[in-house]
Amino acid sequence: MGLSTHVLDTANGKPAAGMTVSLYAIHGQEATCLSKHVLNNDGRTNTPLFSDGALQAGTYRLAFEVAAYFKAQSTPQNDPPFLNVVLLDFGVADPTQHYHVPLLVSPWAYSTYRGS
């Protein structure tokens, strides 16, 4: 069906509007960038990462530019930041299902899960 993401800034208690997220296809040791997005005011992409029928079985990576986002928010971080880019590699076994990959993030920790 499709692929979506949603990022919540747990340090500031709000959606991560303005964070840049890149989507990659992983083939062995190679990562091919498929698209780059800036999250909207709800912490989501304005368009689906994959729309109906385009998602294929395989391995993918979402790269969340966490440090740049928190710097733009004036959220205190170490120098260098503890988290710079959060890379989430995940597998799509059944492309007829929807895959939602949310990220809960602060400058010091993150959590993810397969959402609905």
PDB file of N, CA and C in Angstrom:
ATOM      1  N   MET A   1       0.826  -1.191   0.000  1.00  0.00           N
ATOM      2  CA  MET A   1       0.000   0.000   0.000  1.00  0.00           C
ATOM      3  C   MET A   1       0.866   1.250   0.000  1.00  0.00           C
ATOM      4  N   GLY A   2       1.611   1.485   1.071  1.00  0.00           N
ATOM      5  CA  GLY A   2       2.375   2.716   1.128  1.00  0.00           C
ATOM      6  C   GLY A   2       3.319   2.762   2.311  1.00  0.00           C
ATOM      7  N   LEU A   3       4.015   3.878   2.403  1.00  0.00           N
ATOM      8  CA  LEU A   3       4.998   4.102   3.462  1.00  0.00           C
ATOM      9  C   LEU A   3       4.864   5.532   3.936  1.00  0.00           C
ATOM     10  N   SER A   4       4.827   5.710   5.256  1.00  0.00           N
ATOM     11  CA  SER A   4       4.745   7.054   5.831  1.00  0.00           C
ATOM     12  C   SER A   4       5.601   7.130   7.083  1.00  0.00           C
ATOM     13  N   THR A   5       5.854   8.362   7.517  1.00  0.00           N
ATOM     14  CA  THR A   5       6.606   8.597   8.751  1.00  0.00           C
ATOM     15  C   THR A   5       6.005   9.781   9.479  1.00  0.00           C
ATOM     16  N   HIS A   6       6.328   9.895  10.746  1.00  0.00           N
ATOM     17  CA  HIS A   6       5.858  10.988  11.605  1.00  0.00           C
ATOM     18  C   HIS A   6       6.915  11.161  12.682  1.00  0.00           C
ATOM     19  N   VAL A   7       7.362  12.393  12.929  1.00  0.00           N
ATOM     20  CA  VAL A   7       8.406  12.624  13.926  1.00  0.00           C
ATOM     21  C   VAL A   7       7.876  13.557  15.002  1.00  0.00           C
ATOM     22  N   LEU A   8       8.030  13.122  16.261  1.00  0.00           N
ATOM     23  CA  LEU A   8       7.662  13.937  17.414  1.00  0.00           C
ATOM     24  C   LEU A   8       8.920  14.302  18.189  1.00  0.00           C
ATOM     25  N   ASP A   9       9.065  15.585  18.464  1.00  0.00           N
ATOM     26  CA  ASP A   9      10.171  16.156  19.235  1.00  0.00           C
ATOM     27  C   ASP A   9       9.788  16.034  20.706  1.00  0.00           C
ATOM     28  N   THR A  10      10.343  15.032  21.389  1.00  0.00           N
ATOM     29  CA  THR A  10       9.967  14.791  22.788  1.00  0.00           C
ATOM     30  C   THR A  10      10.655  15.752  23.750  1.00  0.00           C
ATOM     31  N   ALA A  11      11.713  16.433  23.313  1.00  0.00           N
ATOM     32  CA  ALA A  11      12.380  17.414  24.173  1.00  0.00           C
ATOM     33  C   ALA A  11      11.545  18.679  24.313  1.00  0.00           C
ATOM     34  N   ASN A  12      10.841  19.028  23.243  1.00  0.00           N
ATOM     35  CA  ASN A  12      10.066  20.269  23.244  1.00  0.00           C
ATOM     36  C   ASN A  12       8.561  20.019  23.208  1.00  0.00           C
ATOM     37  N   GLY A  13       8.162  18.737  23.173  1.00  0.00           N
ATOM     38  CA  GLY A  13       6.750  18.390  23.236  1.00  0.00           C
ATOM     39  C   GLY A  13       5.937  18.860  22.048  1.00  0.00           C
ATOM     40  N   LYS A  14       6.461  18.627  20.826  1.00  0.00           N
ATOM     41  CA  LYS A  14       5.741  19.079  19.635  1.00  0.00           C
ATOM     42  C   LYS A  14       6.184  18.261  18.422  1.00  0.00           C
ATOM     43  N   PRO A  15       5.438  18.357  17.323  1.00  0.00           N
ATOM     44  CA  PRO A  15       5.885  17.707  16.080  1.00  0.00           C
ATOM     45  C   PRO A  15       7.190  18.349  15.607  1.00  0.00           C
ATOM     46  N   ALA A  16       8.019  17.582  14.914  1.00  0.00           N
ATOM     47  CA  ALA A  16       9.340  18.045  14.462  1.00  0.00           C
ATOM     48  C   ALA A  16       9.233  18.751  13.109  1.00  0.00           C
ATOM     49  N   ALA A  17       8.470  19.827  13.059  1.00  0.00           N
ATOM     50  CA  ALA A  17       8.299  20.603  11.825  1.00  0.00           C
ATOM     51  C   ALA A  17       9.642  21.156  11.369  1.00  0.00           C
ATOM     52  N   GLY A  18       9.934  20.987  10.090  1.00  0.00           N
ATOM     53  CA  GLY A  18      11.177  21.506   9.523  1.00  0.00           C
ATOM     54  C   GLY A  18      12.316  20.504   9.485  1.00  0.00           C
ATOM     55  N   MET A  19      12.170  19.352  10.130  1.00  0.00           N
ATOM     56  CA  MET A  19      13.228  18.342  10.079  1.00  0.00           C
ATOM     57  C   MET A  19      13.312  17.759   8.667  1.00  0.00           C
ATOM     58  N   THR A  20      14.527  17.521   8.193  1.00  0.00           N
ATOM     59  CA  THR A  20      14.742  16.899   6.891  1.00  0.00           C
ATOM     60  C   THR A  20      14.877  15.390   7.064  1.00  0.00           C
ATOM     61  N   VAL A  21      14.184  14.650   6.197  1.00  0.00           N
ATOM     62  CA  VAL A  21      14.196  13.183   6.213  1.00  0.00           C
ATOM     63  C   VAL A  21      14.454  12.703   4.790  1.00  0.00           C
ATOM     64  N   SER A  22      15.398  11.783   4.646  1.00  0.00           N
ATOM     65  CA  SER A  22      15.690  11.191   3.342  1.00  0.00           C
ATOM     66  C   SER A  22      15.334   9.720   3.362  1.00  0.00           C
ATOM     67  N   LEU A  23      14.827   9.230   2.227  1.00  0.00           N
ATOM     68  CA  LEU A  23      14.460   7.828   2.062  1.00  0.00           C
ATOM     69  C   LEU A  23      15.438   7.174   1.101  1.00  0.00           C
ATOM     70  N   TYR A  24      15.970   6.015   1.498  1.00  0.00           N
ATOM     71  CA  TYR A  24      16.924   5.266   0.687  1.00  0.00           C
ATOM     72  C   TYR A  24      16.417   3.850   0.466  1.00  0.00           C
ATOM     73  N   ALA A  25      16.768   3.291  -0.684  1.00  0.00           N
ATOM     74  CA  ALA A  25      16.610   1.854  -0.932  1.00  0.00           C
ATOM     75  C   ALA A  25      17.967   1.227  -0.667  1.00  0.00           C
ATOM     76  N   ILE A  26      17.993   0.108   0.046  1.00  0.00           N
ATOM     77  CA  ILE A  26      19.237  -0.568   0.399  1.00  0.00           C
ATOM     78  C   ILE A  26      19.351  -1.842  -0.437  1.00  0.00           C
ATOM     79  N   HIS A  27      20.472  -1.975  -1.142  1.00  0.00           N
ATOM     80  CA  HIS A  27      20.773  -3.174  -1.927  1.00  0.00           C
ATOM     81  C   HIS A  27      22.184  -3.603  -1.551  1.00  0.00           C
ATOM     82  N   GLY A  28      22.292  -4.619  -0.690  1.00  0.00           N
ATOM     83  CA  GLY A  28      23.606  -5.048  -0.207  1.00  0.00           C
ATOM     84  C   GLY A  28      24.241  -3.935   0.607  1.00  0.00           C
ATOM     85  N   GLN A  29      25.401  -3.468   0.183  1.00  0.00           N
ATOM     86  CA  GLN A  29      26.109  -2.389   0.885  1.00  0.00           C
ATOM     87  C   GLN A  29      25.808  -1.012   0.295  1.00  0.00           C
ATOM     88  N   GLU A  30      24.985  -0.954  -0.746  1.00  0.00           N
ATOM     89  CA  GLU A  30      24.695   0.312  -1.413  1.00  0.00           C
ATOM     90  C   GLU A  30      23.351   0.880  -0.971  1.00  0.00           C
ATOM     91  N   ALA A  31      23.340   2.196  -0.764  1.00  0.00           N
ATOM     92  CA  ALA A  31      22.113   2.914  -0.429  1.00  0.00           C
ATOM     93  C   ALA A  31      21.858   3.943  -1.525  1.00  0.00           C
ATOM     94  N   THR A  32      20.678   3.869  -2.129  1.00  0.00           N
ATOM     95  CA  THR A  32      20.296   4.787  -3.193  1.00  0.00           C
ATOM     96  C   THR A  32      19.221   5.724  -2.670  1.00  0.00           C
ATOM     97  N   CYS A  33      19.493   7.041  -2.723  1.00  0.00           N
ATOM     98  CA  CYS A  33      18.510   8.023  -2.241  1.00  0.00           C
ATOM     99  C   CYS A  33      17.338   8.081  -3.215  1.00  0.00           C
ATOM    100  N   LEU A  34      16.146   7.855  -2.677  1.00  0.00           N
ATOM    101  CA  LEU A  34      14.928   7.892  -3.480  1.00  0.00           C
ATOM    102  C   LEU A  34      14.214   9.234  -3.383  1.00  0.00           C
ATOM    103  N   SER A  35      14.274   9.862  -2.224  1.00  0.00           N
ATOM    104  CA  SER A  35      13.600  11.147  -2.042  1.00  0.00           C
ATOM    105  C   SER A  35      14.081  11.824  -0.768  1.00  0.00           C
ATOM    106  N   LYS A  36      13.864  13.133  -0.717  1.00  0.00           N
ATOM    107  CA  LYS A  36      14.223  13.947   0.449  1.00  0.00           C
ATOM    108  C   LYS A  36      13.015  14.826   0.761  1.00  0.00           C
ATOM    109  N   HIS A  37      12.684  14.942   2.044  1.00  0.00           N
ATOM    110  CA  HIS A  37      11.484  15.665   2.466  1.00  0.00           C
ATOM    111  C   HIS A  37      11.793  16.563   3.656  1.00  0.00           C
ATOM    112  N   VAL A  38      11.064  17.662   3.751  1.00  0.00           N
ATOM    113  CA  VAL A  38      11.078  18.520   4.942  1.00  0.00           C
ATOM    114  C   VAL A  38       9.712  18.339   5.592  1.00  0.00           C
ATOM    115  N   LEU A  39       9.715  17.991   6.882  1.00  0.00           N
ATOM    116  CA  LEU A  39       8.457  17.698   7.571  1.00  0.00           C
ATOM    117  C   LEU A  39       7.620  18.953   7.765  1.00  0.00           C
ATOM    118  N   ASN A  40       6.306  18.783   7.650  1.00  0.00           N
ATOM    119  CA  ASN A  40       5.376  19.906   7.791  1.00  0.00           C
ATOM    120  C   ASN A  40       5.081  20.199   9.261  1.00  0.00           C
ATOM    121  N   ASN A  41       4.133  21.082   9.528  1.00  0.00           N
ATOM    122  CA  ASN A  41       3.832  21.510  10.902  1.00  0.00           C
ATOM    123  C   ASN A  41       3.312  20.379  11.785  1.00  0.00           C
ATOM    124  N   ASP A  42       2.862  19.286  11.172  1.00  0.00           N
ATOM    125  CA  ASP A  42       2.391  18.128  11.932  1.00  0.00           C
ATOM    126  C   ASP A  42       3.498  17.087  12.103  1.00  0.00           C
ATOM    127  N   GLY A  43       4.729  17.386  11.614  1.00  0.00           N
ATOM    128  CA  GLY A  43       5.836  16.439  11.716  1.00  0.00           C
ATOM    129  C   GLY A  43       5.739  15.305  10.715  1.00  0.00           C
ATOM    130  N   ARG A  44       5.005  15.528   9.630  1.00  0.00           N
ATOM    131  CA  ARG A  44       4.809  14.514   8.590  1.00  0.00           C
ATOM    132  C   ARG A  44       5.248  15.072   7.240  1.00  0.00           C
ATOM    133  N   THR A  45       5.403  14.184   6.267  1.00  0.00           N
ATOM    134  CA  THR A  45       5.696  14.635   4.906  1.00  0.00           C
ATOM    135  C   THR A  45       4.399  15.105   4.257  1.00  0.00           C
ATOM    136  N   ASN A  46       4.506  16.044   3.325  1.00  0.00           N
ATOM    137  CA  ASN A  46       3.314  16.534   2.626  1.00  0.00           C
ATOM    138  C   ASN A  46       2.783  15.532   1.613  1.00  0.00           C
ATOM    139  N   THR A  47       3.645  14.656   1.138  1.00  0.00           N
ATOM    140  CA  THR A  47       3.245  13.614   0.197  1.00  0.00           C
ATOM    141  C   THR A  47       3.711  12.271   0.755  1.00  0.00           C
ATOM    142  N   PRO A  48       3.060  11.183   0.383  1.00  0.00           N
ATOM    143  CA  PRO A  48       3.504   9.867   0.874  1.00  0.00           C
ATOM    144  C   PRO A  48       4.928   9.566   0.411  1.00  0.00           C
ATOM    145  N   LEU A  49       5.669   8.847   1.235  1.00  0.00           N
ATOM    146  CA  LEU A  49       7.006   8.410   0.824  1.00  0.00           C
ATOM    147  C   LEU A  49       6.888   7.448  -0.350  1.00  0.00           C
ATOM    148  N   PHE A  50       5.890   6.588  -0.315  1.00  0.00           N
ATOM    149  CA  PHE A  50       5.481   5.740  -1.439  1.00  0.00           C
ATOM    150  C   PHE A  50       3.963   5.777  -1.462  1.00  0.00           C
ATOM    151  N   SER A  51       3.387   5.930  -2.637  1.00  0.00           N
ATOM    152  CA  SER A  51       1.943   5.845  -2.720  1.00  0.00           C
ATOM    153  C   SER A  51       1.518   4.431  -3.090  1.00  0.00           C
ATOM    154  N   ASP A  52       0.222   4.235  -3.126  1.00  0.00           N
ATOM    155  CA  ASP A  52      -0.331   2.899  -3.388  1.00  0.00           C
ATOM    156  C   ASP A  52       0.297   2.273  -4.620  1.00  0.00           C
ATOM    157  N   GLY A  53       0.766   1.040  -4.463  1.00  0.00           N
ATOM    158  CA  GLY A  53       1.305   0.275  -5.573  1.00  0.00           C
ATOM    159  C   GLY A  53       2.776   0.489  -5.866  1.00  0.00           C
ATOM    160  N   ALA A  54       3.391   1.540  -5.337  1.00  0.00           N
ATOM    161  CA  ALA A  54       4.796   1.833  -5.652  1.00  0.00           C
ATOM    162  C   ALA A  54       5.775   1.129  -4.705  1.00  0.00           C
ATOM    163  N   LEU A  55       5.332   0.814  -3.498  1.00  0.00           N
ATOM    164  CA  LEU A  55       6.202   0.174  -2.515  1.00  0.00           C
ATOM    165  C   LEU A  55       6.480  -1.270  -2.932  1.00  0.00           C
ATOM    166  N   GLN A  56       7.757  -1.643  -2.887  1.00  0.00           N
ATOM    167  CA  GLN A  56       8.179  -2.998  -3.231  1.00  0.00           C
ATOM    168  C   GLN A  56       8.778  -3.671  -1.995  1.00  0.00           C
ATOM    169  N   ALA A  57       8.781  -4.982  -1.972  1.00  0.00           N
ATOM    170  CA  ALA A  57       9.456  -5.706  -0.896  1.00  0.00           C
ATOM    171  C   ALA A  57      10.943  -5.384  -0.964  1.00  0.00           C
ATOM    172  N   GLY A  58      11.569  -5.259   0.195  1.00  0.00           N
ATOM    173  CA  GLY A  58      12.995  -4.965   0.234  1.00  0.00           C
ATOM    174  C   GLY A  58      13.374  -4.243   1.503  1.00  0.00           C
ATOM    175  N   THR A  59      14.613  -3.750   1.528  1.00  0.00           N
ATOM    176  CA  THR A  59      15.137  -3.039   2.690  1.00  0.00           C
ATOM    177  C   THR A  59      15.259  -1.564   2.353  1.00  0.00           C
ATOM    178  N   TYR A  60      14.854  -0.738   3.312  1.00  0.00           N
ATOM    179  CA  TYR A  60      14.849   0.709   3.140  1.00  0.00           C
ATOM    180  C   TYR A  60      15.518   1.371   4.344  1.00  0.00           C
ATOM    181  N   ARG A  61      15.868   2.629   4.171  1.00  0.00           N
ATOM    182  CA  ARG A  61      16.469   3.419   5.251  1.00  0.00           C
ATOM    183  C   ARG A  61      15.812   4.789   5.267  1.00  0.00           C
ATOM    184  N   LEU A  62      15.447   5.233   6.455  1.00  0.00           N
ATOM    185  CA  LEU A  62      15.053   6.622   6.666  1.00  0.00           C
ATOM    186  C   LEU A  62      16.188   7.294   7.428  1.00  0.00           C
ATOM    187  N   ALA A  63      16.634   8.440   6.937  1.00  0.00           N
ATOM    188  CA  ALA A  63      17.709   9.212   7.574  1.00  0.00           C
ATOM    189  C   ALA A  63      17.110  10.528   8.075  1.00  0.00           C
ATOM    190  N   PHE A  64      17.032  10.660   9.384  1.00  0.00           N
ATOM    191  CA  PHE A  64      16.437  11.830  10.031  1.00  0.00           C
ATOM    192  C   PHE A  64      17.562  12.771  10.483  1.00  0.00           C
ATOM    193  N   GLU A  65      17.570  14.002  10.012  1.00  0.00           N
ATOM    194  CA  GLU A  65      18.623  14.965  10.339  1.00  0.00           C
ATOM    195  C   GLU A  65      18.295  15.654  11.672  1.00  0.00           C
ATOM    196  N   VAL A  66      18.576  14.924  12.742  1.00  0.00           N
ATOM    197  CA  VAL A  66      18.183  15.302  14.090  1.00  0.00           C
ATOM    198  C   VAL A  66      18.964  16.514  14.614  1.00  0.00           C
ATOM    199  N   ALA A  67      20.279  16.496  14.518  1.00  0.00           N
ATOM    200  CA  ALA A  67      21.095  17.577  15.081  1.00  0.00           C
ATOM    201  C   ALA A  67      20.770  18.913  14.426  1.00  0.00           C
ATOM    202  N   ALA A  68      20.641  18.936  13.115  1.00  0.00           N
ATOM    203  CA  ALA A  68      20.315  20.183  12.412  1.00  0.00           C
ATOM    204  C   ALA A  68      18.952  20.712  12.849  1.00  0.00           C
ATOM    205  N   TYR A  69      18.006  19.806  13.035  1.00  0.00           N
ATOM    206  CA  TYR A  69      16.677  20.207  13.495  1.00  0.00           C
ATOM    207  C   TYR A  69      16.751  20.852  14.877  1.00  0.00           C
ATOM    208  N   PHE A  70      17.420  20.165  15.837  1.00  0.00           N
ATOM    209  CA  PHE A  70      17.474  20.710  17.194  1.00  0.00           C
ATOM    210  C   PHE A  70      18.279  22.006  17.260  1.00  0.00           C
ATOM    211  N   LYS A  71      19.285  22.139  16.426  1.00  0.00           N
ATOM    212  CA  LYS A  71      20.035  23.402  16.358  1.00  0.00           C
ATOM    213  C   LYS A  71      19.106  24.530  15.905  1.00  0.00           C
ATOM    214  N   ALA A  72      18.299  24.277  14.894  1.00  0.00           N
ATOM    215  CA  ALA A  72      17.358  25.282  14.400  1.00  0.00           C
ATOM    216  C   ALA A  72      16.300  25.635  15.449  1.00  0.00           C
ATOM    217  N   GLN A  73      16.017  24.702  16.359  1.00  0.00           N
ATOM    218  CA  GLN A  73      15.047  24.939  17.431  1.00  0.00           C
ATOM    219  C   GLN A  73      15.682  25.615  18.645  1.00  0.00           C
ATOM    220  N   SER A  74      16.991  25.834  18.606  1.00  0.00           N
ATOM    221  CA  SER A  74      17.764  26.377  19.742  1.00  0.00           C
ATOM    222  C   SER A  74      17.665  25.482  20.970  1.00  0.00           C
ATOM    223  N   THR A  75      17.507  24.173  20.732  1.00  0.00           N
ATOM    224  CA  THR A  75      17.495  23.203  21.822  1.00  0.00           C
ATOM    225  C   THR A  75      18.938  22.904  22.198  1.00  0.00           C
ATOM    226  N   PRO A  76      19.303  23.026  23.476  1.00  0.00           N
ATOM    227  CA  PRO A  76      20.690  22.767  23.875  1.00  0.00           C
ATOM    228  C   PRO A  76      21.156  21.369  23.477  1.00  0.00           C
ATOM    229  N   GLN A  77      22.374  21.316  22.921  1.00  0.00           N
ATOM    230  CA  GLN A  77      23.018  20.062  22.531  1.00  0.00           C
ATOM    231  C   GLN A  77      24.494  20.155  22.876  1.00  0.00           C
ATOM    232  N   ASN A  78      25.127  19.017  22.952  1.00  0.00           N
ATOM    233  CA  ASN A  78      26.575  19.002  23.112  1.00  0.00           C
ATOM    234  C   ASN A  78      27.240  19.350  21.790  1.00  0.00           C
ATOM    235  N   ASP A  79      28.542  19.653  21.838  1.00  0.00           N
ATOM    236  CA  ASP A  79      29.310  19.908  20.617  1.00  0.00           C
ATOM    237  C   ASP A  79      30.504  18.969  20.606  1.00  0.00           C
ATOM    238  N   PRO A  80      30.516  17.935  19.778  1.00  0.00           N
ATOM    239  CA  PRO A  80      29.512  17.600  18.771  1.00  0.00           C
ATOM    240  C   PRO A  80      28.254  17.025  19.405  1.00  0.00           C
ATOM    241  N   PRO A  81      27.133  17.096  18.687  1.00  0.00           N
ATOM    242  CA  PRO A  81      25.885  16.574  19.242  1.00  0.00           C
ATOM    243  C   PRO A  81      25.943  15.064  19.445  1.00  0.00           C
ATOM    244  N   PHE A  82      25.243  14.592  20.454  1.00  0.00           N
ATOM    245  CA  PHE A  82      25.194  13.157  20.727  1.00  0.00           C
ATOM    246  C   PHE A  82      24.560  12.408  19.558  1.00  0.00           C
ATOM    247  N   LEU A  83      23.429  12.905  19.060  1.00  0.00           N
ATOM    248  CA  LEU A  83      22.779  12.335  17.874  1.00  0.00           C
ATOM    249  C   LEU A  83      22.903  13.331  16.736  1.00  0.00           C
ATOM    250  N   ASN A  84      23.399  12.880  15.605  1.00  0.00           N
ATOM    251  CA  ASN A  84      23.509  13.738  14.433  1.00  0.00           C
ATOM    252  C   ASN A  84      22.408  13.355  13.442  1.00  0.00           C
ATOM    253  N   VAL A  85      22.608  12.264  12.733  1.00  0.00           N
ATOM    254  CA  VAL A  85      21.600  11.740  11.812  1.00  0.00           C
ATOM    255  C   VAL A  85      21.174  10.371  12.334  1.00  0.00           C
ATOM    256  N   VAL A  86      19.890  10.207  12.567  1.00  0.00           N
ATOM    257  CA  VAL A  86      19.357   8.917  13.004  1.00  0.00           C
ATOM    258  C   VAL A  86      19.008   8.122  11.757  1.00  0.00           C
ATOM    259  N   LEU A  87      19.654   6.955  11.620  1.00  0.00           N
ATOM    260  CA  LEU A  87      19.412   6.067  10.481  1.00  0.00           C
ATOM    261  C   LEU A  87      18.553   4.897  10.939  1.00  0.00           C
ATOM    262  N   LEU A  88      17.420   4.706  10.281  1.00  0.00           N
ATOM    263  CA  LEU A  88      16.543   3.581  10.593  1.00  0.00           C
ATOM    264  C   LEU A  88      16.444   2.693   9.368  1.00  0.00           C
ATOM    265  N   ASP A  89      17.028   1.506   9.453  1.00  0.00           N
ATOM    266  CA  ASP A  89      16.913   0.514   8.388  1.00  0.00           C
ATOM    267  C   ASP A  89      15.772  -0.426   8.748  1.00  0.00           C
ATOM    268  N   PHE A  90      14.903  -0.695   7.788  1.00  0.00           N
ATOM    269  CA  PHE A  90      13.764  -1.555   8.051  1.00  0.00           C
ATOM    270  C   PHE A  90      13.413  -2.332   6.790  1.00  0.00           C
ATOM    271  N   GLY A  91      12.752  -3.454   6.984  1.00  0.00           N
ATOM    272  CA  GLY A  91      12.392  -4.311   5.876  1.00  0.00           C
ATOM    273  C   GLY A  91      10.903  -4.268   5.584  1.00  0.00           C
ATOM    274  N   VAL A  92      10.581  -4.333   4.310  1.00  0.00           N
ATOM    275  CA  VAL A  92       9.201  -4.437   3.851  1.00  0.00           C
ATOM    276  C   VAL A  92       9.032  -5.838   3.278  1.00  0.00           C
ATOM    277  N   ALA A  93       8.294  -6.673   3.988  1.00  0.00           N
ATOM    278  CA  ALA A  93       8.077  -8.045   3.550  1.00  0.00           C
ATOM    279  C   ALA A  93       6.830  -8.159   2.677  1.00  0.00           C
ATOM    280  N   ASP A  94       5.808  -7.379   3.001  1.00  0.00           N
ATOM    281  CA  ASP A  94       4.535  -7.467   2.283  1.00  0.00           C
ATOM    282  C   ASP A  94       4.124  -6.073   1.808  1.00  0.00           C
ATOM    283  N   PRO A  95       4.439  -5.711   0.567  1.00  0.00           N
ATOM    284  CA  PRO A  95       4.142  -4.363   0.082  1.00  0.00           C
ATOM    285  C   PRO A  95       2.652  -4.077  -0.100  1.00  0.00           C
ATOM    286  N   THR A  96       1.782  -5.076   0.118  1.00  0.00           N
ATOM    287  CA  THR A  96       0.344  -4.809   0.060  1.00  0.00           C
ATOM    288  C   THR A  96      -0.151  -4.195   1.372  1.00  0.00           C
ATOM    289  N   GLN A  97       0.702  -4.206   2.407  1.00  0.00           N
ATOM    290  CA  GLN A  97       0.360  -3.586   3.684  1.00  0.00           C
ATOM    291  C   GLN A  97       0.920  -2.174   3.740  1.00  0.00           C
ATOM    292  N   HIS A  98       0.378  -1.359   4.646  1.00  0.00           N
ATOM    293  CA  HIS A  98       0.925  -0.017   4.861  1.00  0.00           C
ATOM    294  C   HIS A  98       1.998  -0.103   5.947  1.00  0.00           C
ATOM    295  N   TYR A  99       3.112   0.570   5.717  1.00  0.00           N
ATOM    296  CA  TYR A  99       4.196   0.641   6.700  1.00  0.00           C
ATOM    297  C   TYR A  99       4.310   2.080   7.169  1.00  0.00           C
ATOM    298  N   HIS A 100       4.125   2.283   8.471  1.00  0.00           N
ATOM    299  CA  HIS A 100       4.268   3.610   9.081  1.00  0.00           C
ATOM    300  C   HIS A 100       5.442   3.519  10.049  1.00  0.00           C
ATOM    301  N   VAL A 101       6.438   4.403   9.880  1.00  0.00           N
ATOM    302  CA  VAL A 101       7.659   4.366  10.694  1.00  0.00           C
ATOM    303  C   VAL A 101       7.776   5.688  11.443  1.00  0.00           C
ATOM    304  N   PRO A 102       7.208   5.775  12.653  1.00  0.00           N
ATOM    305  CA  PRO A 102       7.313   6.997  13.432  1.00  0.00           C
ATOM    306  C   PRO A 102       8.634   7.057  14.202  1.00  0.00           C
ATOM    307  N   LEU A 103       9.032   8.277  14.546  1.00  0.00           N
ATOM    308  CA  LEU A 103      10.236   8.489  15.340  1.00  0.00           C
ATOM    309  C   LEU A 103       9.893   9.446  16.470  1.00  0.00           C
ATOM    310  N   LEU A 104      10.202   9.040  17.695  1.00  0.00           N
ATOM    311  CA  LEU A 104      10.125   9.913  18.862  1.00  0.00           C
ATOM    312  C   LEU A 104      11.563  10.257  19.198  1.00  0.00           C
ATOM    313  N   VAL A 105      11.904  11.562  19.261  1.00  0.00           N
ATOM    314  CA  VAL A 105      13.319  11.913  19.347  1.00  0.00           C
ATOM    315  C   VAL A 105      13.561  13.132  20.229  1.00  0.00           C
ATOM    316  N   SER A 106      14.697  13.102  20.903  1.00  0.00           N
ATOM    317  CA  SER A 106      15.244  14.245  21.631  1.00  0.00           C
ATOM    318  C   SER A 106      16.719  14.333  21.212  1.00  0.00           C
ATOM    319  N   PRO A 107      17.466  15.316  21.689  1.00  0.00           N
ATOM    320  CA  PRO A 107      18.885  15.359  21.335  1.00  0.00           C
ATOM    321  C   PRO A 107      19.698  14.189  21.898  1.00  0.00           C
ATOM    322  N   TRP A 108      19.099  13.412  22.829  1.00  0.00           N
ATOM    323  CA  TRP A 108      19.864  12.369  23.521  1.00  0.00           C
ATOM    324  C   TRP A 108      19.298  10.970  23.372  1.00  0.00           C
ATOM    325  N   ALA A 109      18.129  10.819  22.771  1.00  0.00           N
ATOM    326  CA  ALA A 109      17.516   9.496  22.685  1.00  0.00           C
ATOM    327  C   ALA A 109      16.472   9.472  21.578  1.00  0.00           C
ATOM    328  N   TYR A 110      16.190   8.250  21.098  1.00  0.00           N
ATOM    329  CA  TYR A 110      15.101   8.101  20.142  1.00  0.00           C
ATOM    330  C   TYR A 110      14.463   6.735  20.288  1.00  0.00           C
ATOM    331  N   SER A 111      13.237   6.638  19.768  1.00  0.00           N
ATOM    332  CA  SER A 111      12.494   5.393  19.793  1.00  0.00           C
ATOM    333  C   SER A 111      11.674   5.317  18.515  1.00  0.00           C
ATOM    334  N   THR A 112      11.485   4.108  18.028  1.00  0.00           N
ATOM    335  CA  THR A 112      10.671   3.900  16.840  1.00  0.00           C
ATOM    336  C   THR A 112       9.918   2.597  16.976  1.00  0.00           C
ATOM    337  N   TYR A 113       8.956   2.397  16.094  1.00  0.00           N
ATOM    338  CA  TYR A 113       8.175   1.175  16.071  1.00  0.00           C
ATOM    339  C   TYR A 113       7.460   1.128  14.736  1.00  0.00           C
ATOM    340  N   ARG A 114       6.870  -0.001  14.421  1.00  0.00           N
ATOM    341  CA  ARG A 114       6.040  -0.064  13.220  1.00  0.00           C
ATOM    342  C   ARG A 114       4.632   0.340  13.602  1.00  0.00           C
ATOM    343  N   GLY A 115       4.223   1.473  13.107  1.00  0.00           N
ATOM    344  CA  GLY A 115       2.882   1.983  13.396  1.00  0.00           C
ATOM    345  C   GLY A 115       1.867   1.491  12.382  1.00  0.00           C
ATOM    346  N   SER A 116       0.704   2.071  12.452  1.00  0.00           N
ATOM    347  CA  SER A 116      -0.368   1.654  11.528  1.00  0.00           C
ATOM    348  C   SER A 116      -0.758   2.810  10.616  1.00  0.00           C
TER     349      SER A 116
END
